Amino acid sequence: MSFHIDHICFAYERHEVLRGLSLTLESGHFYGIVGPNGCGKTTFIDLLMGHSSPSQGFIFYKDQDILSYPKKELAKEMALVPQNFYINFPFSAEEVVMMGRYPHIPRFSPASSEDIAVVNEIMAKTGTEQFRHRYMTELSGGERQRIVFARALAQNTQVLMLDEATSNLDIRHTLNLLNIVSDGVRKEGKTAIAVIQDINLAASYCDRMIFMKKGKAAAFGETDEVLTAETIQKVFNVDSVIYFEPYSASRKVAFKK
C-alpha cells in the first residue's frame, strides 16, 4: 500500500479547500486527478508530499504518518514535478538535474560515479542532454520544465507526483515524458499520481482516476469504470459522449459545443 488518506480537511484561512477526503492509493498504479479549477487538486498533492498539514484527518504512507518522516527520507521515497518552477540563479541544466540526486548523496560529499551515470541516463531519456551546459535562465519555459521533469526522474523514487507537469509542453515531449513515467509504473511497480487537465490525456495513461469536486472525491476507481458521461456531467456540468478509441487503446471523451 502506498497511501491511506483518512478524512482529511484543509483550509486557507476561512476558505475550505478539502472536505473530509478519504482514499486508499495502492502502489503500482498511474493515478490521474482531474476536476474543475479550485477543487483542491494541487492542495491534495501538497498534502501527499508532506509540504502542508491537514487541519483534520491523517495521511499515512507505508503505514506511517506522512508528517513523521524526516524530510531527507521522504525525498528518497517521492518526487514532485510542479507546474511552475522558479529559479533566479544561473545554475546549468545539468546542475539542476543533479539536484535530484541530493537525497542520495551524503552531506559534504561529491556526486558519485553512480549519481553521474543516473543523471546522464535521465538526460538522454528525456532529450535534455543538449541543454546540459546551458543556464536555466537562458532556457524557454518548456525547456525548463523538461529539466525539472528530468530532475524528479533522477531522484529515482518509488512515488512520482506530477502537478500539471506537462501543461506547457508540446505533444511530442509530453508523450515522451509520460511514456517514461508509465514504463516505471508497469515495469518497476512504481506509483504515479498526476494532476492532468486534459481528460483524454489522463485516460490514455492513467489506469485509475480521481474526479474531484468541491474538495471531495466525486468518483474514484478504475478508469474504464469511472470515466462516464454521468461522471463528466456531475463534475464539470457539461454533456459528453464516452467511447473507446482503438488507435490509442483507451477511452475518450467527446464534448458538445
C-alpha atoms as a PDB file:
ATOM      1  CA  MET A   1       0.000   0.000   0.000  1.00  0.00           C
ATOM      2  CA  SER A   2       1.285   3.480  -0.832  1.00  0.00           C
ATOM      3  CA  PHE A   3      -1.156   5.953   0.730  1.00  0.00           C
ATOM      4  CA  HIS A   4      -4.093   5.811   3.088  1.00  0.00           C
ATOM      5  CA  ILE A   5      -5.916   9.139   3.261  1.00  0.00           C
ATOM      6  CA  ASP A   6      -8.270   9.341   6.230  1.00  0.00           C
ATOM      7  CA  HIS A   7     -10.909  12.132   6.237  1.00  0.00           C
ATOM      8  CA  ILE A   8      -8.506  14.988   5.560  1.00  0.00           C
ATOM      9  CA  CYS A   9      -9.623  18.613   5.595  1.00  0.00           C
ATOM     10  CA  PHE A  10      -7.673  21.715   4.665  1.00  0.00           C
ATOM     11  CA  ALA A  11      -8.467  25.417   4.528  1.00  0.00           C
ATOM     12  CA  TYR A  12      -6.684  28.621   3.539  1.00  0.00           C
ATOM     13  CA  GLU A  13      -7.771  30.915   6.353  1.00  0.00           C
ATOM     14  CA  ARG A  14     -11.590  30.670   6.112  1.00  0.00           C
ATOM     15  CA  HIS A  15     -11.703  29.127   2.637  1.00  0.00           C
ATOM     16  CA  GLU A  16     -12.158  25.369   2.971  1.00  0.00           C
ATOM     17  CA  VAL A  17     -10.460  23.521   0.112  1.00  0.00           C
ATOM     18  CA  LEU A  18     -10.622  19.844   1.116  1.00  0.00           C
ATOM     19  CA  ARG A  19     -13.622  18.459   2.961  1.00  0.00           C
ATOM     20  CA  GLY A  20     -13.258  15.045   4.601  1.00  0.00           C
ATOM     21  CA  LEU A  21     -11.417  13.389   1.719  1.00  0.00           C
ATOM     22  CA  SER A  22     -10.733   9.660   2.199  1.00  0.00           C
ATOM     23  CA  LEU A  23      -8.944   7.410  -0.311  1.00  0.00           C
ATOM     24  CA  THR A  24      -6.580   4.479  -0.475  1.00  0.00           C
ATOM     25  CA  LEU A  25      -3.958   4.695  -3.212  1.00  0.00           C
ATOM     26  CA  GLU A  26      -2.202   1.408  -3.832  1.00  0.00           C
ATOM     27  CA  SER A  27       1.278   1.102  -5.276  1.00  0.00           C
ATOM     28  CA  GLY A  28       1.918   0.122  -8.879  1.00  0.00           C
ATOM     29  CA  HIS A  29      -0.747   2.333 -10.458  1.00  0.00           C
ATOM     30  CA  PHE A  30      -0.873   5.520 -12.513  1.00  0.00           C
ATOM     31  CA  TYR A  31      -3.478   7.784 -10.884  1.00  0.00           C
ATOM     32  CA  GLY A  32      -4.974  10.745 -12.692  1.00  0.00           C
ATOM     33  CA  ILE A  33      -6.524  13.593 -10.698  1.00  0.00           C
ATOM     34  CA  VAL A  34      -8.998  15.715 -12.648  1.00  0.00           C
ATOM     35  CA  GLY A  35     -11.580  18.296 -11.709  1.00  0.00           C
ATOM     36  CA  PRO A  36     -12.636  21.938 -12.067  1.00  0.00           C
ATOM     37  CA  ASN A  37     -10.313  24.800 -11.182  1.00  0.00           C
ATOM     38  CA  GLY A  38     -10.151  25.391  -7.442  1.00  0.00           C
ATOM     39  CA  CYS A  39     -11.437  21.948  -6.430  1.00  0.00           C
ATOM     40  CA  GLY A  40      -8.320  21.151  -4.346  1.00  0.00           C
ATOM     41  CA  LYS A  41      -6.138  19.123  -6.741  1.00  0.00           C
ATOM     42  CA  THR A  42      -2.848  20.938  -6.090  1.00  0.00           C
ATOM     43  CA  THR A  43      -3.576  21.193  -2.373  1.00  0.00           C
ATOM     44  CA  PHE A  44      -4.099  17.431  -2.303  1.00  0.00           C
ATOM     45  CA  ILE A  45      -0.684  16.899  -3.944  1.00  0.00           C
ATOM     46  CA  ASP A  46       0.955  19.254  -1.420  1.00  0.00           C
ATOM     47  CA  LEU A  47      -0.527  17.256   1.448  1.00  0.00           C
ATOM     48  CA  LEU A  48       0.575  13.919  -0.043  1.00  0.00           C
ATOM     49  CA  MET A  49       4.104  15.322  -0.361  1.00  0.00           C
ATOM     50  CA  GLY A  50       4.099  16.405   3.272  1.00  0.00           C
ATOM     51  CA  HIS A  51       4.527  20.058   2.258  1.00  0.00           C
ATOM     52  CA  SER A  52       1.382  21.038   4.172  1.00  0.00           C
ATOM     53  CA  SER A  53      -0.502  19.583   7.116  1.00  0.00           C
ATOM     54  CA  PRO A  54      -4.218  18.742   7.040  1.00  0.00           C
ATOM     55  CA  SER A  55      -6.341  20.671   9.524  1.00  0.00           C
ATOM     56  CA  GLN A  56      -8.165  17.418  10.238  1.00  0.00           C
ATOM     57  CA  GLY A  57      -7.531  13.786   9.381  1.00  0.00           C
ATOM     58  CA  PHE A  58      -4.354  11.883   8.567  1.00  0.00           C
ATOM     59  CA  ILE A  59      -2.271  10.744   5.626  1.00  0.00           C
ATOM     60  CA  PHE A  60      -0.329   7.516   6.016  1.00  0.00           C
ATOM     61  CA  TYR A  61       2.404   6.403   3.645  1.00  0.00           C
ATOM     62  CA  LYS A  62       3.554   2.806   4.116  1.00  0.00           C
ATOM     63  CA  ASP A  63       1.529   2.725   7.355  1.00  0.00           C
ATOM     64  CA  GLN A  64       3.367   5.726   8.798  1.00  0.00           C
ATOM     65  CA  ASP A  65       2.059   9.272   9.259  1.00  0.00           C
ATOM     66  CA  ILE A  66       3.476  11.284   6.373  1.00  0.00           C
ATOM     67  CA  LEU A  67       4.361  14.143   8.731  1.00  0.00           C
ATOM     68  CA  SER A  68       6.560  11.872  10.864  1.00  0.00           C
ATOM     69  CA  TYR A  69       9.036  11.183   8.045  1.00  0.00           C
ATOM     70  CA  PRO A  70      12.343  13.084   8.096  1.00  0.00           C
ATOM     71  CA  LYS A  71      12.482  15.300   5.006  1.00  0.00           C
ATOM     72  CA  LYS A  72      15.508  13.553   3.510  1.00  0.00           C
ATOM     73  CA  GLU A  73      13.954  10.117   3.995  1.00  0.00           C
ATOM     74  CA  LEU A  74      10.744  11.292   2.358  1.00  0.00           C
ATOM     75  CA  ALA A  75      12.761  12.721  -0.543  1.00  0.00           C
ATOM     76  CA  LYS A  76      14.082   9.211  -1.198  1.00  0.00           C
ATOM     77  CA  GLU A  77      10.502   7.951  -1.428  1.00  0.00           C
ATOM     78  CA  MET A  78       8.715  10.584  -3.526  1.00  0.00           C
ATOM     79  CA  ALA A  79       9.470  13.308  -6.039  1.00  0.00           C
ATOM     80  CA  LEU A  80       7.388  16.155  -7.422  1.00  0.00           C
ATOM     81  CA  VAL A  81       7.242  17.848 -10.803  1.00  0.00           C
ATOM     82  CA  PRO A  82       5.443  21.160 -10.145  1.00  0.00           C
ATOM     83  CA  GLN A  83       3.632  23.195 -12.768  1.00  0.00           C
ATOM     84  CA  ASN A  84       5.805  26.213 -12.079  1.00  0.00           C
ATOM     85  CA  PHE A  85       9.462  26.132 -11.082  1.00  0.00           C
ATOM     86  CA  TYR A  86      11.189  29.424 -10.386  1.00  0.00           C
ATOM     87  CA  ILE A  87      14.954  29.718 -10.341  1.00  0.00           C
ATOM     88  CA  ASN A  88      16.796  33.040 -10.402  1.00  0.00           C
ATOM     89  CA  PHE A  89      20.360  31.740 -10.083  1.00  0.00           C
ATOM     90  CA  PRO A  90      22.383  30.740 -13.152  1.00  0.00           C
ATOM     91  CA  PHE A  91      22.515  27.013 -12.499  1.00  0.00           C
ATOM     92  CA  SER A  92      23.212  24.880 -15.541  1.00  0.00           C
ATOM     93  CA  ALA A  93      20.624  22.346 -16.644  1.00  0.00           C
ATOM     94  CA  GLU A  94      22.947  19.531 -15.610  1.00  0.00           C
ATOM     95  CA  GLU A  95      23.334  21.016 -12.118  1.00  0.00           C
ATOM     96  CA  VAL A  96      19.556  21.177 -11.711  1.00  0.00           C
ATOM     97  CA  VAL A  97      19.087  17.556 -12.781  1.00  0.00           C
ATOM     98  CA  MET A  98      21.859  16.572 -10.343  1.00  0.00           C
ATOM     99  CA  MET A  99      19.791  18.204  -7.567  1.00  0.00           C
ATOM    100  CA  GLY A 100      17.526  15.174  -7.900  1.00  0.00           C
ATOM    101  CA  ARG A 101      20.393  13.058  -6.564  1.00  0.00           C
ATOM    102  CA  TYR A 102      20.900  15.172  -3.410  1.00  0.00           C
ATOM    103  CA  PRO A 103      18.787  12.895  -1.158  1.00  0.00           C
ATOM    104  CA  HIS A 104      21.121  10.023  -2.070  1.00  0.00           C
ATOM    105  CA  ILE A 105      24.414  11.909  -1.599  1.00  0.00           C
ATOM    106  CA  PRO A 106      25.913  12.034   1.920  1.00  0.00           C
ATOM    107  CA  ARG A 107      26.342  15.501   3.340  1.00  0.00           C
ATOM    108  CA  PHE A 108      29.520  17.312   2.216  1.00  0.00           C
ATOM    109  CA  SER A 109      30.263  14.510  -0.263  1.00  0.00           C
ATOM    110  CA  PRO A 110      30.623  14.924  -4.036  1.00  0.00           C
ATOM    111  CA  ALA A 111      28.385  13.136  -6.512  1.00  0.00           C
ATOM    112  CA  SER A 112      29.447   9.544  -7.041  1.00  0.00           C
ATOM    113  CA  SER A 113      30.029   7.858 -10.386  1.00  0.00           C
ATOM    114  CA  GLU A 114      26.605   6.248  -9.924  1.00  0.00           C
ATOM    115  CA  ASP A 115      24.950   9.653  -9.445  1.00  0.00           C
ATOM    116  CA  ILE A 116      26.636  10.981 -12.574  1.00  0.00           C
ATOM    117  CA  ALA A 117      25.564   7.883 -14.523  1.00  0.00           C
ATOM    118  CA  VAL A 118      21.943   8.306 -13.412  1.00  0.00           C
ATOM    119  CA  VAL A 119      21.926  11.976 -14.468  1.00  0.00           C
ATOM    120  CA  ASN A 120      23.440  11.124 -17.855  1.00  0.00           C
ATOM    121  CA  GLU A 121      20.907   8.344 -18.446  1.00  0.00           C
ATOM    122  CA  ILE A 122      17.924  10.500 -17.488  1.00  0.00           C
ATOM    123  CA  MET A 123      19.050  13.454 -19.590  1.00  0.00           C
ATOM    124  CA  ALA A 124      19.438  11.114 -22.551  1.00  0.00           C
ATOM    125  CA  LYS A 125      15.977   9.577 -21.997  1.00  0.00           C
ATOM    126  CA  THR A 126      14.310  12.965 -21.664  1.00  0.00           C
ATOM    127  CA  GLY A 127      16.167  14.504 -24.590  1.00  0.00           C
ATOM    128  CA  THR A 128      17.631  17.235 -22.402  1.00  0.00           C
ATOM    129  CA  GLU A 129      21.334  16.446 -22.813  1.00  0.00           C
ATOM    130  CA  GLN A 130      21.549  19.205 -25.432  1.00  0.00           C
ATOM    131  CA  PHE A 131      20.886  21.737 -22.632  1.00  0.00           C
ATOM    132  CA  ARG A 132      23.490  20.218 -20.295  1.00  0.00           C
ATOM    133  CA  HIS A 133      25.771  23.261 -20.118  1.00  0.00           C
ATOM    134  CA  ARG A 134      23.164  25.960 -20.683  1.00  0.00           C
ATOM    135  CA  TYR A 135      21.939  28.079 -17.810  1.00  0.00           C
ATOM    136  CA  MET A 136      18.348  27.637 -16.694  1.00  0.00           C
ATOM    137  CA  THR A 137      17.800  31.376 -17.043  1.00  0.00           C
ATOM    138  CA  GLU A 138      18.556  31.054 -20.775  1.00  0.00           C
ATOM    139  CA  LEU A 139      16.022  28.318 -21.493  1.00  0.00           C
ATOM    140  CA  SER A 140      12.419  28.683 -22.653  1.00  0.00           C
ATOM    141  CA  GLY A 141       9.569  27.775 -20.331  1.00  0.00           C
ATOM    142  CA  GLY A 142       9.070  24.396 -21.974  1.00  0.00           C
ATOM    143  CA  GLU A 143      12.787  23.602 -21.909  1.00  0.00           C
ATOM    144  CA  ARG A 144      13.000  24.479 -18.203  1.00  0.00           C
ATOM    145  CA  GLN A 145      10.011  22.252 -17.496  1.00  0.00           C
ATOM    146  CA  ARG A 146      11.706  19.309 -19.179  1.00  0.00           C
ATOM    147  CA  ILE A 147      14.775  19.855 -16.995  1.00  0.00           C
ATOM    148  CA  VAL A 148      12.615  19.957 -13.859  1.00  0.00           C
ATOM    149  CA  PHE A 149      10.934  16.736 -15.001  1.00  0.00           C
ATOM    150  CA  ALA A 150      14.373  15.168 -15.525  1.00  0.00           C
ATOM    151  CA  ARG A 151      15.422  16.262 -12.035  1.00  0.00           C
ATOM    152  CA  ALA A 152      12.462  14.409 -10.497  1.00  0.00           C
ATOM    153  CA  LEU A 153      13.190  11.290 -12.550  1.00  0.00           C
ATOM    154  CA  ALA A 154      16.843  11.392 -11.449  1.00  0.00           C
ATOM    155  CA  GLN A 155      15.603  11.321  -7.853  1.00  0.00           C
ATOM    156  CA  ASN A 156      14.605   7.700  -8.597  1.00  0.00           C
ATOM    157  CA  THR A 157      11.751   7.469  -6.113  1.00  0.00           C
ATOM    158  CA  GLN A 158       9.003   4.909  -5.649  1.00  0.00           C
ATOM    159  CA  VAL A 159       6.355   7.640  -5.993  1.00  0.00           C
ATOM    160  CA  LEU A 160       6.305  10.395  -8.605  1.00  0.00           C
ATOM    161  CA  MET A 161       3.798  13.235  -8.378  1.00  0.00           C
ATOM    162  CA  LEU A 162       3.004  15.474 -11.320  1.00  0.00           C
ATOM    163  CA  ASP A 163       1.125  18.733 -10.794  1.00  0.00           C
ATOM    164  CA  GLU A 164       0.070  19.742 -14.319  1.00  0.00           C
ATOM    165  CA  ALA A 165       3.670  18.892 -15.169  1.00  0.00           C
ATOM    166  CA  THR A 166       3.160  18.820 -18.943  1.00  0.00           C
ATOM    167  CA  SER A 167       0.742  21.731 -19.348  1.00  0.00           C
ATOM    168  CA  ASN A 168       3.287  23.945 -21.134  1.00  0.00           C
ATOM    169  CA  LEU A 169       4.952  21.214 -23.206  1.00  0.00           C
ATOM    170  CA  ASP A 170       4.281  20.316 -26.815  1.00  0.00           C
ATOM    171  CA  ILE A 171       2.638  16.977 -27.541  1.00  0.00           C
ATOM    172  CA  ARG A 172       5.876  15.207 -28.580  1.00  0.00           C
ATOM    173  CA  HIS A 173       7.679  15.955 -25.329  1.00  0.00           C
ATOM    174  CA  THR A 174       4.514  15.359 -23.305  1.00  0.00           C
ATOM    175  CA  LEU A 175       4.162  11.856 -24.731  1.00  0.00           C
ATOM    176  CA  ASN A 176       7.852  11.083 -24.280  1.00  0.00           C
ATOM    177  CA  LEU A 177       7.882  12.083 -20.617  1.00  0.00           C
ATOM    178  CA  LEU A 178       4.593  10.360 -19.772  1.00  0.00           C
ATOM    179  CA  ASN A 179       5.822   7.217 -21.536  1.00  0.00           C
ATOM    180  CA  ILE A 180       8.865   7.206 -19.252  1.00  0.00           C
ATOM    181  CA  VAL A 181       6.608   7.542 -16.201  1.00  0.00           C
ATOM    182  CA  SER A 182       4.222   4.865 -17.465  1.00  0.00           C
ATOM    183  CA  ASP A 183       7.107   2.446 -18.063  1.00  0.00           C
ATOM    184  CA  GLY A 184       8.227   2.931 -14.461  1.00  0.00           C
ATOM    185  CA  VAL A 185       4.737   2.068 -13.241  1.00  0.00           C
ATOM    186  CA  ARG A 186       4.306  -1.004 -15.457  1.00  0.00           C
ATOM    187  CA  LYS A 187       7.812  -2.446 -15.330  1.00  0.00           C
ATOM    188  CA  GLU A 188       9.057  -1.431 -11.876  1.00  0.00           C
ATOM    189  CA  GLY A 189       5.843  -1.237  -9.853  1.00  0.00           C
ATOM    190  CA  LYS A 190       6.255   2.468  -9.145  1.00  0.00           C
ATOM    191  CA  THR A 191       3.350   4.788  -8.374  1.00  0.00           C
ATOM    192  CA  ALA A 192       2.476   7.920 -10.318  1.00  0.00           C
ATOM    193  CA  ILE A 193      -0.076  10.486  -9.155  1.00  0.00           C
ATOM    194  CA  ALA A 194      -0.775  13.211 -11.686  1.00  0.00           C
ATOM    195  CA  VAL A 195      -2.968  16.294 -11.846  1.00  0.00           C
ATOM    196  CA  ILE A 196      -3.913  16.470 -15.525  1.00  0.00           C
ATOM    197  CA  GLN A 197      -6.332  18.992 -17.009  1.00  0.00           C
ATOM    198  CA  ASP A 198      -6.688  17.118 -20.299  1.00  0.00           C
ATOM    199  CA  ILE A 199      -9.122  14.301 -19.529  1.00  0.00           C
ATOM    200  CA  ASN A 200      -8.304  12.439 -22.742  1.00  0.00           C
ATOM    201  CA  LEU A 201      -4.588  12.551 -21.963  1.00  0.00           C
ATOM    202  CA  ALA A 202      -5.300  11.282 -18.459  1.00  0.00           C
ATOM    203  CA  ALA A 203      -7.438   8.462 -19.840  1.00  0.00           C
ATOM    204  CA  SER A 204      -4.614   7.402 -22.167  1.00  0.00           C
ATOM    205  CA  TYR A 205      -2.102   6.918 -19.354  1.00  0.00           C
ATOM    206  CA  CYS A 206      -3.924   6.556 -16.041  1.00  0.00           C
ATOM    207  CA  ASP A 207      -5.376   3.186 -15.109  1.00  0.00           C
ATOM    208  CA  ARG A 208      -7.170   4.794 -12.155  1.00  0.00           C
ATOM    209  CA  MET A 209      -8.770   8.227 -11.897  1.00  0.00           C
ATOM    210  CA  ILE A 210      -9.834  10.547  -9.103  1.00  0.00           C
ATOM    211  CA  PHE A 211     -12.520  13.047 -10.083  1.00  0.00           C
ATOM    212  CA  MET A 212     -12.574  15.885  -7.572  1.00  0.00           C
ATOM    213  CA  LYS A 213     -15.286  18.439  -6.967  1.00  0.00           C
ATOM    214  CA  LYS A 214     -15.533  20.961  -4.142  1.00  0.00           C
ATOM    215  CA  GLY A 215     -12.792  19.303  -2.092  1.00  0.00           C
ATOM    216  CA  LYS A 216     -14.167  15.778  -2.269  1.00  0.00           C
ATOM    217  CA  ALA A 217     -13.785  12.731  -4.491  1.00  0.00           C
ATOM    218  CA  ALA A 218     -16.835  12.730  -6.732  1.00  0.00           C
ATOM    219  CA  ALA A 219     -15.693   9.471  -8.380  1.00  0.00           C
ATOM    220  CA  PHE A 220     -12.705   7.198  -7.852  1.00  0.00           C
ATOM    221  CA  GLY A 221     -11.706   3.880  -9.362  1.00  0.00           C
ATOM    222  CA  GLU A 222     -10.582   2.088 -12.486  1.00  0.00           C
ATOM    223  CA  THR A 223     -10.583   4.476 -15.452  1.00  0.00           C
ATOM    224  CA  ASP A 224     -12.818   2.229 -17.555  1.00  0.00           C
ATOM    225  CA  GLU A 225     -15.404   2.235 -14.766  1.00  0.00           C
ATOM    226  CA  VAL A 226     -15.454   5.863 -13.573  1.00  0.00           C
ATOM    227  CA  LEU A 227     -14.868   7.724 -16.830  1.00  0.00           C
ATOM    228  CA  THR A 228     -18.501   8.014 -17.849  1.00  0.00           C
ATOM    229  CA  ALA A 229     -20.764  10.697 -19.254  1.00  0.00           C
ATOM    230  CA  GLU A 230     -22.552  10.747 -15.901  1.00  0.00           C
ATOM    231  CA  THR A 231     -19.293  11.493 -14.083  1.00  0.00           C
ATOM    232  CA  ILE A 232     -18.382  14.264 -16.533  1.00  0.00           C
ATOM    233  CA  GLN A 233     -21.818  15.838 -16.090  1.00  0.00           C
ATOM    234  CA  LYS A 234     -21.624  15.547 -12.295  1.00  0.00           C
ATOM    235  CA  VAL A 235     -18.131  17.023 -12.002  1.00  0.00           C
ATOM    236  CA  PHE A 236     -17.963  19.554 -14.855  1.00  0.00           C
ATOM    237  CA  ASN A 237     -21.646  20.131 -15.655  1.00  0.00           C
ATOM    238  CA  VAL A 238     -21.104  19.543 -19.359  1.00  0.00           C
ATOM    239  CA  ASP A 239     -22.557  16.986 -21.774  1.00  0.00           C
ATOM    240  CA  SER A 240     -20.259  14.414 -23.339  1.00  0.00           C
ATOM    241  CA  VAL A 241     -20.025  11.086 -25.086  1.00  0.00           C
ATOM    242  CA  ILE A 242     -17.540   8.436 -23.949  1.00  0.00           C
ATOM    243  CA  TYR A 243     -16.189   5.968 -26.486  1.00  0.00           C
ATOM    244  CA  PHE A 244     -13.302   3.536 -26.939  1.00  0.00           C
ATOM    245  CA  GLU A 245     -10.660   4.746 -29.365  1.00  0.00           C
ATOM    246  CA  PRO A 246      -8.709   1.766 -30.809  1.00  0.00           C
ATOM    247  CA  TYR A 247      -5.645   3.678 -32.046  1.00  0.00           C
ATOM    248  CA  SER A 248      -4.728   4.783 -28.513  1.00  0.00           C
ATOM    249  CA  ALA A 249      -6.449   1.730 -26.947  1.00  0.00           C
ATOM    250  CA  SER A 250      -8.169   3.948 -24.378  1.00  0.00           C
ATOM    251  CA  ARG A 251     -11.461   5.597 -23.562  1.00  0.00           C
ATOM    252  CA  LYS A 252     -12.011   9.088 -24.950  1.00  0.00           C
ATOM    253  CA  VAL A 253     -14.385  11.941 -24.228  1.00  0.00           C
ATOM    254  CA  ALA A 254     -16.124  13.989 -26.901  1.00  0.00           C
ATOM    255  CA  PHE A 255     -17.756  17.226 -25.770  1.00  0.00           C
ATOM    256  CA  LYS A 256     -20.715  19.036 -27.264  1.00  0.00           C
ATOM    257  CA  LYS A 257     -20.113  22.640 -28.303  1.00  0.00           C
END
